[in-house]
N, C-alpha and C. Protein backbone atom coordinates (compact mmCIF):
# COMPACT_ATOMS: atom_id res chain seq x y z
N MET A 1 -81.27 92.36 -22.64
CA MET A 1 -80.60 91.05 -22.71
C MET A 1 -79.59 91.16 -21.63
N TRP A 2 -79.03 91.80 -20.95
CA TRP A 2 -78.00 92.18 -19.82
C TRP A 2 -78.59 92.89 -18.75
N SER A 3 -77.97 92.78 -17.56
CA SER A 3 -78.39 93.57 -16.42
C SER A 3 -76.96 93.87 -15.76
N SER A 4 -76.99 94.95 -15.13
CA SER A 4 -75.84 95.32 -14.22
C SER A 4 -76.29 95.79 -12.84
N GLU A 5 -76.90 94.74 -12.21
CA GLU A 5 -77.72 95.16 -11.15
C GLU A 5 -76.47 95.46 -10.07
N GLN A 6 -76.73 96.40 -9.19
CA GLN A 6 -75.77 97.06 -8.35
C GLN A 6 -75.53 96.03 -7.04
N ALA A 7 -75.16 94.74 -7.34
CA ALA A 7 -74.88 94.04 -6.28
C ALA A 7 -73.79 94.29 -5.52
N SER A 8 -73.52 94.23 -4.28
CA SER A 8 -72.34 94.45 -3.46
C SER A 8 -71.06 93.77 -4.21
N PRO A 9 -70.06 94.35 -4.71
CA PRO A 9 -68.97 93.52 -5.25
C PRO A 9 -68.04 92.85 -4.19
N GLY A 10 -68.25 92.97 -2.91
CA GLY A 10 -67.50 92.05 -2.03
C GLY A 10 -66.47 92.85 -1.65
N ASP A 11 -66.09 93.05 -0.43
CA ASP A 11 -64.95 93.66 0.28
C ASP A 11 -63.57 92.92 -0.07
N LEU A 12 -62.68 93.69 -0.75
CA LEU A 12 -61.50 92.84 -1.10
C LEU A 12 -60.84 92.36 0.09
N ALA A 13 -60.71 92.91 1.27
CA ALA A 13 -60.13 92.47 2.58
C ALA A 13 -60.78 91.00 2.98
N ALA A 14 -62.06 91.10 2.81
CA ALA A 14 -62.84 89.88 3.07
C ALA A 14 -62.46 88.61 2.19
N VAL A 15 -62.49 89.03 1.05
CA VAL A 15 -62.09 88.02 -0.12
C VAL A 15 -60.74 87.67 0.21
N THR A 16 -59.80 88.53 0.50
CA THR A 16 -58.43 88.04 0.56
C THR A 16 -58.18 87.18 1.73
N GLN A 17 -59.05 87.56 2.81
CA GLN A 17 -59.03 86.63 3.87
C GLN A 17 -59.71 85.14 3.76
N GLN A 18 -60.66 85.12 2.91
CA GLN A 18 -61.17 84.02 2.24
C GLN A 18 -60.16 83.07 1.44
N MET A 19 -59.43 83.82 0.76
CA MET A 19 -58.57 83.01 -0.35
C MET A 19 -57.31 82.73 0.67
N ASN A 20 -57.18 83.32 1.61
CA ASN A 20 -55.71 83.00 2.48
C ASN A 20 -56.27 81.55 3.29
N ARG A 21 -57.47 81.12 3.30
CA ARG A 21 -57.80 79.95 4.11
C ARG A 21 -57.15 78.70 2.99
N VAL A 22 -57.12 79.01 1.79
CA VAL A 22 -56.76 77.83 0.74
C VAL A 22 -55.37 78.27 0.36
N TRP A 23 -54.79 79.67 0.18
CA TRP A 23 -53.76 79.80 -0.30
C TRP A 23 -52.96 80.79 0.78
N PRO A 24 -52.36 80.13 1.64
CA PRO A 24 -51.74 81.02 2.77
C PRO A 24 -50.65 81.93 2.56
N GLY A 25 -50.87 83.08 2.89
CA GLY A 25 -49.95 84.28 2.78
C GLY A 25 -50.26 85.04 1.46
N ILE A 26 -51.18 84.72 0.66
CA ILE A 26 -51.69 85.54 -0.54
C ILE A 26 -51.81 86.85 -0.26
N GLU A 27 -51.27 87.76 -0.89
CA GLU A 27 -51.52 89.06 -0.81
C GLU A 27 -52.07 89.74 -2.20
N PRO A 28 -53.14 89.68 -2.55
CA PRO A 28 -53.72 90.11 -3.92
C PRO A 28 -53.39 91.41 -4.37
N MET A 29 -52.78 91.34 -5.57
CA MET A 29 -52.68 92.78 -6.21
C MET A 29 -53.57 92.80 -7.61
N GLN A 30 -53.98 94.04 -7.52
CA GLN A 30 -54.81 94.10 -8.87
C GLN A 30 -53.92 93.99 -10.27
N VAL A 31 -54.28 93.13 -11.20
CA VAL A 31 -53.74 92.84 -12.36
C VAL A 31 -54.17 93.65 -13.56
N PRO A 32 -53.62 94.30 -14.35
CA PRO A 32 -54.23 95.05 -15.58
C PRO A 32 -54.84 94.01 -16.38
N GLY A 33 -56.05 94.48 -16.71
CA GLY A 33 -56.81 93.74 -17.89
C GLY A 33 -56.28 93.87 -19.38
N PRO A 34 -56.78 93.12 -20.29
CA PRO A 34 -56.47 93.13 -21.61
C PRO A 34 -56.73 94.32 -22.56
N GLY A 35 -57.60 95.17 -21.76
CA GLY A 35 -58.12 96.33 -22.67
C GLY A 35 -59.29 96.08 -23.48
N ILE A 36 -60.18 95.10 -23.04
CA ILE A 36 -61.62 94.96 -23.65
C ILE A 36 -62.34 96.03 -23.68
N ASP A 37 -62.62 96.57 -22.63
CA ASP A 37 -63.60 97.66 -22.48
C ASP A 37 -63.24 98.30 -21.30
N ALA A 38 -62.83 99.87 -21.37
CA ALA A 38 -62.27 100.53 -20.11
C ALA A 38 -63.25 100.68 -19.20
N ALA A 39 -64.58 100.67 -19.34
CA ALA A 39 -65.64 101.10 -18.37
C ALA A 39 -65.91 99.76 -17.67
N PHE A 40 -66.06 98.51 -18.46
CA PHE A 40 -66.07 97.10 -17.76
C PHE A 40 -64.99 96.99 -16.97
N GLU A 41 -63.64 97.06 -17.43
CA GLU A 41 -62.54 96.79 -16.52
C GLU A 41 -62.50 97.58 -15.29
N GLY A 42 -62.94 98.80 -15.41
CA GLY A 42 -63.05 99.75 -14.10
C GLY A 42 -64.02 99.11 -13.05
N ALA A 43 -65.05 98.45 -13.51
CA ALA A 43 -65.99 97.84 -12.69
C ALA A 43 -65.67 96.33 -12.20
N VAL A 44 -65.06 95.67 -13.11
CA VAL A 44 -64.65 94.29 -12.82
C VAL A 44 -63.13 94.15 -12.97
N GLN A 45 -62.54 93.97 -11.64
CA GLN A 45 -61.14 93.88 -11.50
C GLN A 45 -60.76 92.35 -11.37
N VAL A 46 -59.54 92.02 -11.71
CA VAL A 46 -58.78 90.87 -11.84
C VAL A 46 -57.60 90.96 -10.56
N TYR A 47 -57.63 90.42 -9.68
CA TYR A 47 -56.58 90.22 -8.75
C TYR A 47 -55.60 88.97 -8.81
N GLY A 48 -54.47 88.96 -8.52
CA GLY A 48 -53.49 87.84 -8.24
C GLY A 48 -52.60 87.95 -7.23
N GLY A 49 -52.05 86.76 -6.86
CA GLY A 49 -51.28 86.79 -5.69
C GLY A 49 -50.65 85.39 -5.67
N ARG A 50 -49.33 85.26 -4.93
CA ARG A 50 -48.69 84.13 -4.86
C ARG A 50 -48.95 83.75 -3.34
N GLU A 51 -49.11 82.18 -3.24
CA GLU A 51 -49.01 81.88 -1.86
C GLU A 51 -47.75 81.57 -1.32
N ARG A 52 -47.72 81.52 0.14
CA ARG A 52 -46.38 81.10 0.54
C ARG A 52 -46.03 79.57 0.26
N ALA A 53 -44.59 79.43 0.05
CA ALA A 53 -44.23 78.00 0.00
C ALA A 53 -44.86 76.96 1.04
N PRO A 54 -45.01 75.85 0.68
CA PRO A 54 -44.01 74.97 -0.34
C PRO A 54 -44.78 75.05 -1.60
N ARG A 55 -46.03 75.24 -1.84
CA ARG A 55 -46.56 74.98 -3.30
C ARG A 55 -46.31 76.29 -4.25
N GLY A 56 -46.38 77.38 -3.42
CA GLY A 56 -46.16 78.79 -4.35
C GLY A 56 -46.88 78.91 -5.48
N GLN A 57 -48.36 78.49 -5.41
CA GLN A 57 -48.96 78.59 -6.53
C GLN A 57 -49.60 80.02 -6.64
N PHE A 58 -49.95 80.45 -7.99
CA PHE A 58 -50.59 81.77 -8.11
C PHE A 58 -51.99 81.57 -8.11
N ALA A 59 -52.81 82.46 -7.40
CA ALA A 59 -54.29 82.36 -7.56
C ALA A 59 -54.73 83.90 -8.27
N TYR A 60 -55.50 83.57 -9.15
CA TYR A 60 -56.18 84.73 -9.78
C TYR A 60 -57.65 84.77 -9.63
N PHE A 61 -58.40 85.78 -9.32
CA PHE A 61 -59.63 86.01 -9.18
C PHE A 61 -60.23 87.25 -9.43
N THR A 62 -61.64 87.14 -10.07
CA THR A 62 -62.40 88.25 -10.34
C THR A 62 -62.88 89.00 -8.85
N LYS A 63 -63.32 90.22 -9.21
CA LYS A 63 -63.99 91.00 -8.15
C LYS A 63 -65.01 91.92 -8.82
N GLY A 64 -66.21 91.50 -8.79
CA GLY A 64 -67.21 92.56 -9.51
C GLY A 64 -68.07 91.91 -10.34
N ALA A 65 -67.52 90.67 -11.17
CA ALA A 65 -68.06 90.12 -12.19
C ALA A 65 -69.48 89.62 -11.99
N HIS A 66 -69.90 89.31 -10.70
CA HIS A 66 -71.19 88.68 -10.63
C HIS A 66 -72.33 89.66 -10.86
N ALA A 67 -71.98 90.85 -10.75
CA ALA A 67 -73.11 91.93 -10.90
C ALA A 67 -73.28 92.27 -12.40
N TYR A 68 -72.38 91.62 -13.06
CA TYR A 68 -72.59 91.92 -14.82
C TYR A 68 -72.81 90.74 -15.39
N VAL A 69 -74.12 90.05 -15.27
CA VAL A 69 -74.45 88.77 -15.93
C VAL A 69 -75.77 89.11 -17.02
N ASN A 70 -75.77 88.18 -17.84
CA ASN A 70 -77.11 88.02 -18.74
C ASN A 70 -78.16 87.53 -17.99
N ALA A 71 -79.51 87.83 -18.45
CA ALA A 71 -80.55 87.20 -18.11
C ALA A 71 -80.49 85.77 -17.68
N GLY A 72 -80.75 85.02 -16.85
CA GLY A 72 -80.77 83.53 -16.86
C GLY A 72 -79.23 83.10 -16.50
N SER A 73 -78.22 83.95 -16.30
CA SER A 73 -76.91 83.57 -16.07
C SER A 73 -76.78 83.56 -14.47
N ASP A 74 -75.96 82.85 -14.18
CA ASP A 74 -75.55 82.64 -12.70
C ASP A 74 -74.72 83.88 -12.34
N PRO A 75 -75.14 84.43 -11.07
CA PRO A 75 -73.85 85.36 -10.66
C PRO A 75 -72.44 84.81 -10.25
N LEU A 76 -71.67 85.06 -10.86
CA LEU A 76 -70.50 84.01 -10.73
C LEU A 76 -69.19 85.06 -10.46
N GLU A 77 -68.36 84.91 -9.71
CA GLU A 77 -66.80 85.28 -9.74
C GLU A 77 -65.94 84.17 -10.23
N PHE A 78 -64.83 84.40 -10.80
CA PHE A 78 -64.02 83.24 -11.35
C PHE A 78 -62.84 83.11 -10.81
N ILE A 79 -62.16 82.04 -10.59
CA ILE A 79 -60.90 81.61 -10.03
C ILE A 79 -60.10 80.73 -10.98
N ALA A 80 -58.88 81.13 -11.20
CA ALA A 80 -57.79 80.52 -11.91
C ALA A 80 -56.52 80.37 -11.24
N ILE A 81 -56.01 79.07 -11.46
CA ILE A 81 -54.68 78.93 -10.81
C ILE A 81 -53.55 78.56 -11.46
N ALA A 82 -52.51 78.95 -11.31
CA ALA A 82 -51.31 78.93 -12.19
C ALA A 82 -50.04 78.46 -11.30
N ALA A 83 -49.15 77.66 -12.09
CA ALA A 83 -48.01 77.16 -11.29
C ALA A 83 -46.97 78.20 -11.10
N ARG A 84 -47.03 79.34 -12.11
CA ARG A 84 -46.19 80.48 -11.98
C ARG A 84 -46.92 81.80 -12.36
N GLU A 85 -46.63 82.94 -12.35
CA GLU A 85 -47.03 84.00 -12.40
C GLU A 85 -47.27 84.06 -13.91
N ALA A 86 -48.65 84.36 -14.11
CA ALA A 86 -49.15 84.33 -15.64
C ALA A 86 -50.05 85.18 -15.77
N PRO A 87 -49.79 86.38 -16.54
CA PRO A 87 -50.66 87.49 -16.94
C PRO A 87 -51.73 87.06 -17.83
N ALA A 88 -51.48 86.06 -18.51
CA ALA A 88 -52.50 85.42 -19.46
C ALA A 88 -53.64 84.93 -18.58
N ALA A 89 -53.56 84.68 -17.40
CA ALA A 89 -54.77 84.21 -16.49
C ALA A 89 -55.66 85.45 -16.15
N SER A 90 -55.10 86.44 -16.00
CA SER A 90 -55.83 87.78 -15.77
C SER A 90 -56.67 88.10 -17.01
N ALA A 91 -56.03 88.09 -18.17
CA ALA A 91 -56.51 88.35 -19.31
C ALA A 91 -57.66 87.18 -19.66
N MET A 92 -57.46 85.90 -19.25
CA MET A 92 -58.40 85.11 -19.49
C MET A 92 -59.69 85.28 -18.64
N LEU A 93 -59.41 85.46 -17.37
CA LEU A 93 -60.65 85.78 -16.40
C LEU A 93 -61.49 86.94 -17.09
N GLN A 94 -60.74 88.11 -17.29
CA GLN A 94 -61.41 89.26 -17.73
C GLN A 94 -62.24 89.03 -19.05
N SER A 95 -61.85 88.10 -19.80
CA SER A 95 -62.45 87.87 -21.06
C SER A 95 -63.55 86.84 -20.74
N VAL A 96 -63.32 85.91 -19.70
CA VAL A 96 -64.63 85.21 -19.35
C VAL A 96 -65.64 85.94 -18.67
N ALA A 97 -65.14 87.01 -18.02
CA ALA A 97 -66.30 87.93 -17.07
C ALA A 97 -67.01 88.56 -18.30
N PHE A 98 -66.30 89.22 -19.09
CA PHE A 98 -66.71 90.16 -20.28
C PHE A 98 -67.96 89.18 -20.95
N ALA A 99 -67.46 88.02 -21.31
CA ALA A 99 -68.38 87.23 -22.20
C ALA A 99 -69.66 86.87 -21.22
N GLN A 100 -69.54 86.79 -20.12
CA GLN A 100 -70.64 86.39 -19.18
C GLN A 100 -71.63 87.60 -19.20
N TRP A 101 -71.11 88.85 -19.60
CA TRP A 101 -71.77 90.15 -19.42
C TRP A 101 -72.69 90.31 -20.94
N THR A 102 -71.73 90.00 -22.04
CA THR A 102 -72.21 90.51 -23.18
C THR A 102 -72.85 89.32 -24.09
N LEU A 103 -72.63 88.15 -23.75
CA LEU A 103 -73.06 87.18 -24.64
C LEU A 103 -74.29 86.29 -24.28
N GLU A 104 -75.44 86.18 -24.90
CA GLU A 104 -76.40 85.65 -24.48
C GLU A 104 -76.45 84.45 -23.67
N ARG A 105 -75.43 83.58 -23.93
CA ARG A 105 -75.04 82.39 -22.98
C ARG A 105 -73.78 82.53 -22.78
N GLY A 106 -73.40 83.36 -21.45
CA GLY A 106 -72.15 83.55 -20.69
C GLY A 106 -71.96 82.20 -20.14
N ALA A 107 -70.63 82.64 -19.34
CA ALA A 107 -70.33 81.31 -18.51
C ALA A 107 -71.38 80.83 -17.59
N GLN A 108 -71.35 79.42 -17.52
CA GLN A 108 -72.14 78.74 -16.70
C GLN A 108 -71.51 77.73 -16.02
N LEU A 109 -71.86 77.12 -14.76
CA LEU A 109 -71.23 76.11 -14.20
C LEU A 109 -71.49 74.99 -15.01
N GLY A 110 -70.36 74.11 -15.23
CA GLY A 110 -70.67 72.79 -15.91
C GLY A 110 -70.47 73.06 -17.38
N ARG A 111 -70.29 74.33 -17.78
CA ARG A 111 -70.32 74.61 -19.47
C ARG A 111 -68.74 74.30 -19.86
N ILE A 112 -68.40 73.81 -20.86
CA ILE A 112 -67.20 73.84 -21.74
C ILE A 112 -67.36 74.86 -22.87
N SER A 113 -66.10 75.58 -22.84
CA SER A 113 -66.18 76.65 -23.80
C SER A 113 -64.72 76.71 -24.69
N ASP A 114 -65.00 76.88 -25.92
CA ASP A 114 -63.59 77.02 -26.58
C ASP A 114 -63.38 78.40 -26.41
N PHE A 115 -61.97 78.73 -25.97
CA PHE A 115 -61.37 79.78 -25.74
C PHE A 115 -60.86 80.63 -26.89
N GLY A 116 -60.63 79.83 -28.11
CA GLY A 116 -60.18 80.56 -29.23
C GLY A 116 -58.87 80.32 -29.38
N GLU A 117 -57.95 80.27 -28.29
CA GLU A 117 -56.22 80.36 -28.33
C GLU A 117 -56.00 79.67 -27.15
N PRO A 118 -54.77 79.17 -27.13
CA PRO A 118 -54.20 78.71 -25.96
C PRO A 118 -54.25 79.81 -24.91
N TRP A 119 -54.38 79.32 -23.70
CA TRP A 119 -54.80 80.37 -22.48
C TRP A 119 -53.14 80.97 -22.26
N VAL A 120 -52.14 80.33 -22.50
CA VAL A 120 -50.81 81.07 -22.55
C VAL A 120 -50.09 80.64 -23.78
N PRO A 121 -49.25 81.38 -24.25
CA PRO A 121 -48.45 80.90 -25.64
C PRO A 121 -47.78 79.65 -25.45
N GLY A 122 -48.05 78.82 -26.49
CA GLY A 122 -47.52 77.60 -26.51
C GLY A 122 -48.04 76.38 -25.65
N SER A 123 -49.17 76.74 -25.10
CA SER A 123 -50.06 75.83 -24.40
C SER A 123 -50.81 74.89 -25.30
N ASN A 124 -51.28 73.64 -25.21
CA ASN A 124 -52.09 73.03 -25.86
C ASN A 124 -53.43 73.14 -25.21
N LEU A 125 -53.52 73.88 -24.06
CA LEU A 125 -54.97 73.99 -23.41
C LEU A 125 -55.77 75.29 -23.88
N ASP A 126 -56.56 74.90 -24.84
CA ASP A 126 -57.20 76.02 -25.51
C ASP A 126 -58.83 76.09 -25.36
N HIS A 127 -59.19 75.29 -24.47
CA HIS A 127 -60.51 75.35 -24.13
C HIS A 127 -60.77 75.72 -22.53
N LEU A 128 -61.99 75.85 -21.91
CA LEU A 128 -62.10 76.20 -20.70
C LEU A 128 -63.19 75.23 -20.12
N TYR A 129 -63.16 74.90 -18.94
CA TYR A 129 -64.25 74.33 -18.36
C TYR A 129 -64.68 74.86 -16.92
N PHE A 130 -65.95 75.51 -16.99
CA PHE A 130 -66.42 75.97 -15.75
C PHE A 130 -66.81 75.17 -14.67
N SER A 131 -66.13 75.04 -13.58
CA SER A 131 -66.36 73.83 -12.73
C SER A 131 -66.71 74.60 -11.32
N LEU A 132 -67.36 73.75 -10.56
CA LEU A 132 -67.64 73.95 -9.01
C LEU A 132 -66.31 74.34 -8.57
N PRO A 133 -66.07 75.06 -7.75
CA PRO A 133 -64.70 75.25 -7.19
C PRO A 133 -64.07 74.45 -6.18
N TYR A 134 -63.87 73.20 -6.34
CA TYR A 134 -63.63 72.08 -5.69
C TYR A 134 -62.15 72.36 -4.95
N ILE A 135 -61.44 73.46 -5.55
CA ILE A 135 -60.40 73.73 -4.70
C ILE A 135 -60.49 74.41 -3.58
N LEU A 136 -61.64 74.74 -3.17
CA LEU A 136 -62.30 75.54 -2.07
C LEU A 136 -62.94 74.75 -1.11
N PRO A 137 -62.77 74.95 0.10
CA PRO A 137 -63.69 74.20 1.03
C PRO A 137 -65.39 74.46 0.56
N THR A 138 -66.13 73.54 0.86
CA THR A 138 -67.35 73.98 0.39
C THR A 138 -68.23 75.13 0.90
N ASP A 139 -67.70 75.47 2.50
CA ASP A 139 -68.24 76.31 3.04
C ASP A 139 -67.78 77.79 2.29
N MET A 140 -66.85 77.67 1.53
CA MET A 140 -66.37 78.91 1.02
C MET A 140 -66.91 79.00 -0.71
N TRP A 141 -67.77 78.34 -1.19
CA TRP A 141 -68.17 78.39 -2.60
C TRP A 141 -68.88 79.52 -2.73
N HIS A 142 -69.54 80.31 -1.59
CA HIS A 142 -70.24 81.46 -1.72
C HIS A 142 -69.25 82.53 -1.61
N VAL A 143 -69.32 83.74 -2.47
CA VAL A 143 -68.45 84.85 -2.47
C VAL A 143 -68.63 85.67 -1.27
N THR A 144 -67.63 85.92 -0.31
CA THR A 144 -67.97 86.73 0.70
C THR A 144 -68.25 88.11 0.32
N GLY A 145 -69.29 88.71 1.18
CA GLY A 145 -69.58 90.08 0.81
C GLY A 145 -70.69 90.28 -0.27
N THR A 146 -71.29 89.00 -0.68
CA THR A 146 -72.09 89.21 -1.83
C THR A 146 -73.58 88.73 -1.39
N ALA A 147 -74.66 88.88 -1.98
CA ALA A 147 -75.90 88.24 -1.46
C ALA A 147 -76.08 86.91 -2.16
N SER A 148 -75.75 86.67 -3.45
CA SER A 148 -75.80 85.25 -4.09
C SER A 148 -74.59 84.86 -5.05
N ALA A 149 -73.61 85.40 -5.27
CA ALA A 149 -72.61 85.06 -6.00
C ALA A 149 -71.72 83.71 -5.36
N HIS A 150 -71.24 83.05 -6.44
CA HIS A 150 -70.57 81.92 -6.23
C HIS A 150 -69.39 81.95 -7.19
N TRP A 151 -68.31 81.31 -6.35
CA TRP A 151 -66.86 81.07 -7.16
C TRP A 151 -67.13 80.12 -8.13
N CYS A 152 -66.60 80.37 -9.34
CA CYS A 152 -66.60 79.38 -10.57
C CYS A 152 -65.10 79.22 -10.71
N TRP A 153 -64.69 78.09 -10.88
CA TRP A 153 -63.22 77.64 -11.23
C TRP A 153 -62.99 77.44 -12.71
N VAL A 154 -62.07 78.31 -13.02
CA VAL A 154 -61.93 78.24 -14.74
C VAL A 154 -60.83 77.27 -14.83
N VAL A 155 -61.07 76.25 -15.44
CA VAL A 155 -60.04 75.26 -15.62
C VAL A 155 -59.62 75.02 -17.08
N PRO A 156 -58.55 75.55 -17.68
CA PRO A 156 -58.00 75.11 -19.04
C PRO A 156 -57.82 73.84 -19.37
N ILE A 157 -58.42 73.39 -20.39
CA ILE A 157 -58.34 72.06 -20.77
C ILE A 157 -58.03 71.96 -22.30
N SER A 158 -57.86 70.76 -22.63
CA SER A 158 -57.34 70.54 -24.08
C SER A 158 -58.69 70.26 -25.01
N ARG A 159 -58.61 70.35 -26.21
CA ARG A 159 -59.53 70.18 -27.31
C ARG A 159 -59.98 68.74 -27.17
N ARG A 160 -59.02 67.81 -26.90
CA ARG A 160 -59.62 66.37 -26.89
C ARG A 160 -60.45 66.21 -25.40
N GLU A 161 -59.97 66.98 -24.42
CA GLU A 161 -60.70 66.74 -23.16
C GLU A 161 -62.23 67.37 -23.23
N ALA A 162 -62.17 68.28 -24.05
CA ALA A 162 -63.32 69.17 -24.29
C ALA A 162 -64.42 68.25 -24.88
N THR A 163 -63.82 67.71 -25.90
CA THR A 163 -64.67 66.87 -26.86
C THR A 163 -65.05 65.66 -25.83
N TYR A 164 -64.24 64.88 -25.22
CA TYR A 164 -64.59 63.88 -24.09
C TYR A 164 -65.55 64.35 -23.30
N GLY A 165 -65.54 65.62 -22.59
CA GLY A 165 -66.39 66.20 -21.53
C GLY A 165 -67.81 66.30 -22.44
N ARG A 166 -67.89 66.75 -23.49
CA ARG A 166 -69.08 66.98 -24.31
C ARG A 166 -69.87 65.69 -24.55
N GLU A 167 -68.77 64.73 -24.94
CA GLU A 167 -69.55 63.48 -25.48
C GLU A 167 -69.98 62.56 -24.11
N HIS A 168 -69.24 62.60 -23.18
CA HIS A 168 -69.43 61.83 -21.98
C HIS A 168 -69.87 62.52 -20.60
N GLY A 169 -69.93 63.78 -20.81
CA GLY A 169 -70.43 64.54 -19.65
C GLY A 169 -69.28 64.94 -18.73
N THR A 170 -69.59 66.08 -18.26
CA THR A 170 -68.61 66.77 -17.42
C THR A 170 -68.14 65.92 -16.17
N GLU A 171 -69.09 65.20 -15.65
CA GLU A 171 -68.78 64.34 -14.45
C GLU A 171 -67.43 63.24 -14.90
N ALA A 172 -67.86 62.88 -15.91
CA ALA A 172 -66.73 61.83 -16.62
C ALA A 172 -65.31 62.50 -16.74
N LEU A 173 -65.38 63.89 -17.33
CA LEU A 173 -64.30 64.61 -17.58
C LEU A 173 -63.72 64.86 -16.31
N GLU A 174 -64.39 65.36 -15.23
CA GLU A 174 -63.61 65.59 -13.89
C GLU A 174 -63.10 64.41 -13.26
N VAL A 175 -63.80 63.26 -13.58
CA VAL A 175 -63.18 62.09 -12.98
C VAL A 175 -61.62 61.72 -13.75
N ALA A 176 -61.93 61.76 -15.08
CA ALA A 176 -60.54 61.73 -15.90
C ALA A 176 -59.56 62.53 -15.48
N LEU A 177 -59.62 63.86 -15.15
CA LEU A 177 -58.69 64.86 -14.64
C LEU A 177 -58.14 64.16 -13.53
N GLU A 178 -59.12 64.03 -12.31
CA GLU A 178 -58.61 63.64 -10.82
C GLU A 178 -57.99 62.39 -11.15
N SER A 179 -58.38 61.28 -11.66
CA SER A 179 -57.78 59.88 -11.92
C SER A 179 -56.41 60.00 -12.49
N ALA A 180 -56.10 60.93 -13.44
CA ALA A 180 -54.74 61.33 -13.99
C ALA A 180 -53.93 62.45 -13.05
N ALA A 181 -54.42 62.77 -11.93
CA ALA A 181 -53.96 63.63 -11.32
C ALA A 181 -53.20 64.78 -11.95
N ALA A 182 -54.23 65.39 -12.86
CA ALA A 182 -53.69 66.47 -13.84
C ALA A 182 -53.20 67.61 -12.95
N PRO A 183 -52.32 68.30 -13.16
CA PRO A 183 -51.88 69.29 -12.39
C PRO A 183 -52.60 70.76 -12.55
N ILE A 184 -53.25 71.10 -11.70
CA ILE A 184 -54.37 72.13 -11.70
C ILE A 184 -53.72 73.49 -12.33
N GLY A 185 -52.51 73.79 -11.87
CA GLY A 185 -51.88 75.10 -12.06
C GLY A 185 -50.86 74.87 -13.39
N ALA A 186 -50.83 73.81 -14.06
CA ALA A 186 -50.10 73.58 -15.21
C ALA A 186 -50.33 74.57 -16.27
N MET A 187 -49.29 75.23 -17.00
CA MET A 187 -49.74 76.04 -18.09
C MET A 187 -49.90 75.27 -19.31
N SER A 188 -49.33 74.05 -19.47
CA SER A 188 -49.56 73.18 -20.49
C SER A 188 -49.10 71.71 -19.89
N ARG A 189 -49.96 70.92 -20.51
CA ARG A 189 -49.97 69.52 -19.87
C ARG A 189 -50.39 68.61 -20.86
N ALA A 190 -50.05 67.27 -20.92
CA ALA A 190 -50.64 66.31 -21.95
C ALA A 190 -52.27 66.09 -21.52
N SER A 191 -52.91 65.79 -22.59
CA SER A 191 -54.32 65.60 -22.42
C SER A 191 -54.54 64.20 -21.66
N VAL A 192 -55.50 64.38 -20.85
CA VAL A 192 -55.68 63.03 -19.87
C VAL A 192 -56.65 61.87 -20.66
N VAL A 193 -57.09 62.38 -21.77
CA VAL A 193 -58.12 61.42 -22.53
C VAL A 193 -57.44 61.25 -23.92
């Protein structure tokens, strides 16, 4: 059902340099996982860091997830953005990576998933959209230090946005999010549809 091919997990220094092109001054630090599976969390880490002002966004990303995928799934590493420090972002990415490894149909680009709960307490964003990493320059969509892994931007969305994306397609959802200038790092925000 699954494989854990020993693909190179990518050198953290090289990935940090790659991330600094988008989030200047970010110095990623490993963030503890939610305690899903100790062996898995030892192999797949989540890093987070804050960029320099003026934006000061927090970026969270996985390292090693692409080596743990189901047959037929894309080898992906995951990125999430938050307006402020959000340990829940680390837990969300660890959960997404674990689901990619253990579920028959894990994370795939263009997929919408019910996360089961708000990604941070009090948020109305309880679904996830697995997007192409538009927040990165296209020459960075490939994960540095890997043979075939690509970045996947995990975008928290509302239940209404998830329904809209399923009914009208993810391209229509992306247009709606972009047209409304939805803040990508918001912990909670009004639905754009």
